[in-house]
Amino acid sequence: MRTIVDLPEPQIARLREMSDRQGLSRAELVRRAVAEYLARHQGEGCEEAFGLWKKRSTDALNYQDQLREEWQR
């Protein structure tokens, strides 16, 4: 998929330098950077959500049912 991304000129210049030095296209460098970023941040938020309902007086399914009952009113 083609995407347009606006980058500040200093980043473009550094990207161009890296491209020349490594013999890779700027597009390839950006693809690799995005892949690395996604791999590093995979699963973020899971730890924060784990045990979220531990201290609740009702379980999540009952809570969901209560919310849905409100929609029926």
N, C-alpha and C. Protein backbone atom coordinates (compact mmCIF):
# COMPACT_ATOMS: atom_id res chain seq x y z
N MET A 1 0.84 -1.17 0.00
CA MET A 1 0.00 0.00 0.00
C MET A 1 0.89 1.24 0.00
N ARG A 2 0.59 2.14 -0.84
CA ARG A 2 1.33 3.41 -0.87
C ARG A 2 0.73 4.35 0.15
N THR A 3 1.60 5.09 0.82
CA THR A 3 1.17 6.03 1.85
C THR A 3 2.01 7.29 1.75
N ILE A 4 1.37 8.41 1.99
CA ILE A 4 2.10 9.68 2.02
C ILE A 4 2.34 10.03 3.48
N VAL A 5 3.60 10.31 3.80
CA VAL A 5 3.98 10.67 5.16
C VAL A 5 4.75 11.98 5.11
N ASP A 6 4.35 12.93 5.91
CA ASP A 6 5.06 14.21 5.98
C ASP A 6 6.15 14.11 7.04
N LEU A 7 7.38 14.33 6.62
CA LEU A 7 8.52 14.31 7.53
C LEU A 7 9.22 15.65 7.49
N PRO A 8 9.77 16.09 8.61
CA PRO A 8 10.54 17.33 8.59
C PRO A 8 11.81 17.16 7.77
N GLU A 9 12.28 18.22 7.19
CA GLU A 9 13.45 18.18 6.32
C GLU A 9 14.67 17.53 6.98
N PRO A 10 14.97 17.80 8.26
CA PRO A 10 16.13 17.14 8.87
C PRO A 10 16.02 15.61 8.87
N GLN A 11 14.82 15.08 9.07
CA GLN A 11 14.63 13.63 9.04
C GLN A 11 14.81 13.10 7.62
N ILE A 12 14.32 13.83 6.65
CA ILE A 12 14.48 13.41 5.26
C ILE A 12 15.96 13.38 4.89
N ALA A 13 16.70 14.38 5.33
CA ALA A 13 18.14 14.43 5.04
C ALA A 13 18.86 13.24 5.67
N ARG A 14 18.53 12.94 6.92
CA ARG A 14 19.18 11.79 7.58
C ARG A 14 18.78 10.49 6.91
N LEU A 15 17.54 10.40 6.50
CA LEU A 15 17.06 9.21 5.81
C LEU A 15 17.79 9.03 4.49
N ARG A 16 18.00 10.13 3.77
CA ARG A 16 18.73 10.10 2.50
C ARG A 16 20.18 9.64 2.73
N GLU A 17 20.82 10.16 3.78
CA GLU A 17 22.19 9.76 4.10
C GLU A 17 22.27 8.27 4.42
N MET A 18 21.35 7.79 5.23
CA MET A 18 21.32 6.37 5.58
C MET A 18 21.08 5.52 4.34
N SER A 19 20.20 5.98 3.48
CA SER A 19 19.88 5.28 2.25
C SER A 19 21.13 5.12 1.38
N ASP A 20 21.86 6.22 1.22
CA ASP A 20 23.08 6.18 0.41
C ASP A 20 24.13 5.27 1.05
N ARG A 21 24.29 5.40 2.35
CA ARG A 21 25.32 4.63 3.06
C ARG A 21 25.02 3.13 3.06
N GLN A 22 23.75 2.77 3.22
CA GLN A 22 23.39 1.35 3.33
C GLN A 22 23.00 0.72 2.00
N GLY A 23 22.85 1.55 0.98
CA GLY A 23 22.47 1.02 -0.33
C GLY A 23 21.04 0.52 -0.37
N LEU A 24 20.19 1.12 0.44
CA LEU A 24 18.78 0.75 0.48
C LEU A 24 17.94 1.97 0.10
N SER A 25 16.76 1.71 -0.41
CA SER A 25 15.87 2.83 -0.74
C SER A 25 15.32 3.44 0.55
N ARG A 26 14.90 4.68 0.44
CA ARG A 26 14.29 5.32 1.60
C ARG A 26 13.02 4.57 2.00
N ALA A 27 12.28 4.10 1.01
CA ALA A 27 11.05 3.34 1.30
C ALA A 27 11.37 2.09 2.11
N GLU A 28 12.46 1.41 1.75
CA GLU A 28 12.84 0.20 2.49
C GLU A 28 13.24 0.54 3.92
N LEU A 29 13.96 1.63 4.09
CA LEU A 29 14.34 2.05 5.45
C LEU A 29 13.11 2.37 6.29
N VAL A 30 12.13 3.03 5.69
CA VAL A 30 10.90 3.36 6.41
C VAL A 30 10.13 2.08 6.74
N ARG A 31 10.04 1.14 5.79
CA ARG A 31 9.36 -0.14 6.05
C ARG A 31 10.00 -0.85 7.23
N ARG A 32 11.33 -0.89 7.25
CA ARG A 32 12.04 -1.56 8.34
C ARG A 32 11.81 -0.85 9.67
N ALA A 33 11.80 0.47 9.64
CA ALA A 33 11.57 1.23 10.87
C ALA A 33 10.17 0.98 11.41
N VAL A 34 9.18 0.95 10.53
CA VAL A 34 7.81 0.69 10.96
C VAL A 34 7.69 -0.73 11.51
N ALA A 35 8.30 -1.70 10.84
CA ALA A 35 8.25 -3.09 11.31
C ALA A 35 8.89 -3.21 12.70
N GLU A 36 10.01 -2.54 12.90
CA GLU A 36 10.69 -2.58 14.20
C GLU A 36 9.82 -1.94 15.28
N TYR A 37 9.21 -0.81 14.96
CA TYR A 37 8.35 -0.11 15.91
C TYR A 37 7.16 -1.00 16.30
N LEU A 38 6.52 -1.61 15.31
CA LEU A 38 5.36 -2.45 15.59
C LEU A 38 5.75 -3.67 16.42
N ALA A 39 6.89 -4.27 16.13
CA ALA A 39 7.35 -5.43 16.90
C ALA A 39 7.63 -5.04 18.35
N ARG A 40 8.22 -3.88 18.53
CA ARG A 40 8.57 -3.41 19.87
C ARG A 40 7.33 -3.09 20.70
N HIS A 41 6.27 -2.64 20.06
CA HIS A 41 5.07 -2.22 20.78
C HIS A 41 3.94 -3.23 20.71
N GLN A 42 4.23 -4.41 20.22
CA GLN A 42 3.21 -5.45 20.11
C GLN A 42 2.74 -5.86 21.50
N GLY A 43 1.45 -5.94 21.68
CA GLY A 43 0.89 -6.38 22.95
C GLY A 43 0.84 -5.30 24.01
N GLU A 44 1.20 -4.08 23.67
CA GLU A 44 1.11 -3.00 24.66
C GLU A 44 -0.32 -2.85 25.12
N GLY A 45 -0.49 -2.60 26.37
CA GLY A 45 -1.82 -2.42 26.93
C GLY A 45 -2.35 -3.68 27.57
N CYS A 46 -1.78 -4.83 27.23
CA CYS A 46 -2.26 -6.08 27.81
C CYS A 46 -2.01 -6.12 29.31
N GLU A 47 -0.83 -5.69 29.72
CA GLU A 47 -0.50 -5.71 31.14
C GLU A 47 -1.42 -4.78 31.94
N GLU A 48 -1.75 -3.63 31.36
CA GLU A 48 -2.61 -2.69 32.06
C GLU A 48 -4.02 -3.25 32.22
N ALA A 49 -4.47 -4.03 31.26
CA ALA A 49 -5.84 -4.56 31.29
C ALA A 49 -5.95 -5.82 32.14
N PHE A 50 -4.85 -6.54 32.31
CA PHE A 50 -4.89 -7.79 33.06
C PHE A 50 -5.27 -7.51 34.51
N GLY A 51 -6.28 -8.19 35.01
CA GLY A 51 -6.72 -8.03 36.38
C GLY A 51 -7.56 -6.80 36.64
N LEU A 52 -8.02 -6.17 35.59
CA LEU A 52 -8.78 -4.93 35.70
C LEU A 52 -10.04 -5.09 36.54
N TRP A 53 -10.66 -6.25 36.47
CA TRP A 53 -11.92 -6.49 37.18
C TRP A 53 -11.71 -7.18 38.53
N LYS A 54 -10.48 -7.33 38.94
CA LYS A 54 -10.17 -8.08 40.16
C LYS A 54 -10.88 -7.52 41.40
N LYS A 55 -10.96 -6.22 41.53
CA LYS A 55 -11.52 -5.61 42.74
C LYS A 55 -12.98 -5.20 42.57
N ARG A 56 -13.61 -5.62 41.49
CA ARG A 56 -15.01 -5.26 41.25
C ARG A 56 -15.93 -6.22 42.01
N SER A 57 -17.10 -5.72 42.39
CA SER A 57 -18.05 -6.56 43.12
C SER A 57 -18.85 -7.46 42.17
N THR A 58 -18.82 -7.16 40.89
CA THR A 58 -19.52 -7.97 39.89
C THR A 58 -18.51 -8.37 38.81
N ASP A 59 -18.84 -9.41 38.09
CA ASP A 59 -17.91 -9.80 37.02
C ASP A 59 -18.25 -9.04 35.74
N ALA A 60 -17.36 -9.11 34.80
CA ALA A 60 -17.48 -8.33 33.57
C ALA A 60 -18.73 -8.70 32.77
N LEU A 61 -19.08 -9.97 32.77
CA LEU A 61 -20.25 -10.40 32.00
C LEU A 61 -21.54 -9.82 32.59
N ASN A 62 -21.65 -9.84 33.92
CA ASN A 62 -22.83 -9.23 34.56
C ASN A 62 -22.89 -7.74 34.27
N TYR A 63 -21.75 -7.08 34.32
CA TYR A 63 -21.69 -5.65 34.03
C TYR A 63 -22.15 -5.37 32.60
N GLN A 64 -21.69 -6.20 31.68
CA GLN A 64 -22.09 -6.06 30.28
C GLN A 64 -23.60 -6.24 30.14
N ASP A 65 -24.14 -7.23 30.82
CA ASP A 65 -25.59 -7.46 30.76
C ASP A 65 -26.36 -6.26 31.31
N GLN A 66 -25.85 -5.66 32.40
CA GLN A 66 -26.51 -4.48 32.97
C GLN A 66 -26.51 -3.32 31.98
N LEU A 67 -25.40 -3.12 31.31
CA LEU A 67 -25.33 -2.06 30.31
C LEU A 67 -26.32 -2.29 29.18
N ARG A 68 -26.41 -3.53 28.74
CA ARG A 68 -27.33 -3.84 27.64
C ARG A 68 -28.79 -3.65 28.07
N GLU A 69 -29.07 -3.95 29.34
CA GLU A 69 -30.43 -3.71 29.84
C GLU A 69 -30.78 -2.23 29.77
N GLU A 70 -29.81 -1.37 30.05
CA GLU A 70 -30.04 0.07 29.97
C GLU A 70 -30.41 0.49 28.55
N TRP A 71 -29.83 -0.17 27.57
CA TRP A 71 -30.12 0.16 26.17
C TRP A 71 -31.56 -0.18 25.80
N GLN A 72 -32.10 -1.20 26.49
CA GLN A 72 -33.46 -1.67 26.18
C GLN A 72 -34.53 -0.73 26.74
N ARG A 73 -34.15 0.10 27.68
CA ARG A 73 -35.14 0.97 28.35
C ARG A 73 -35.64 2.06 27.45
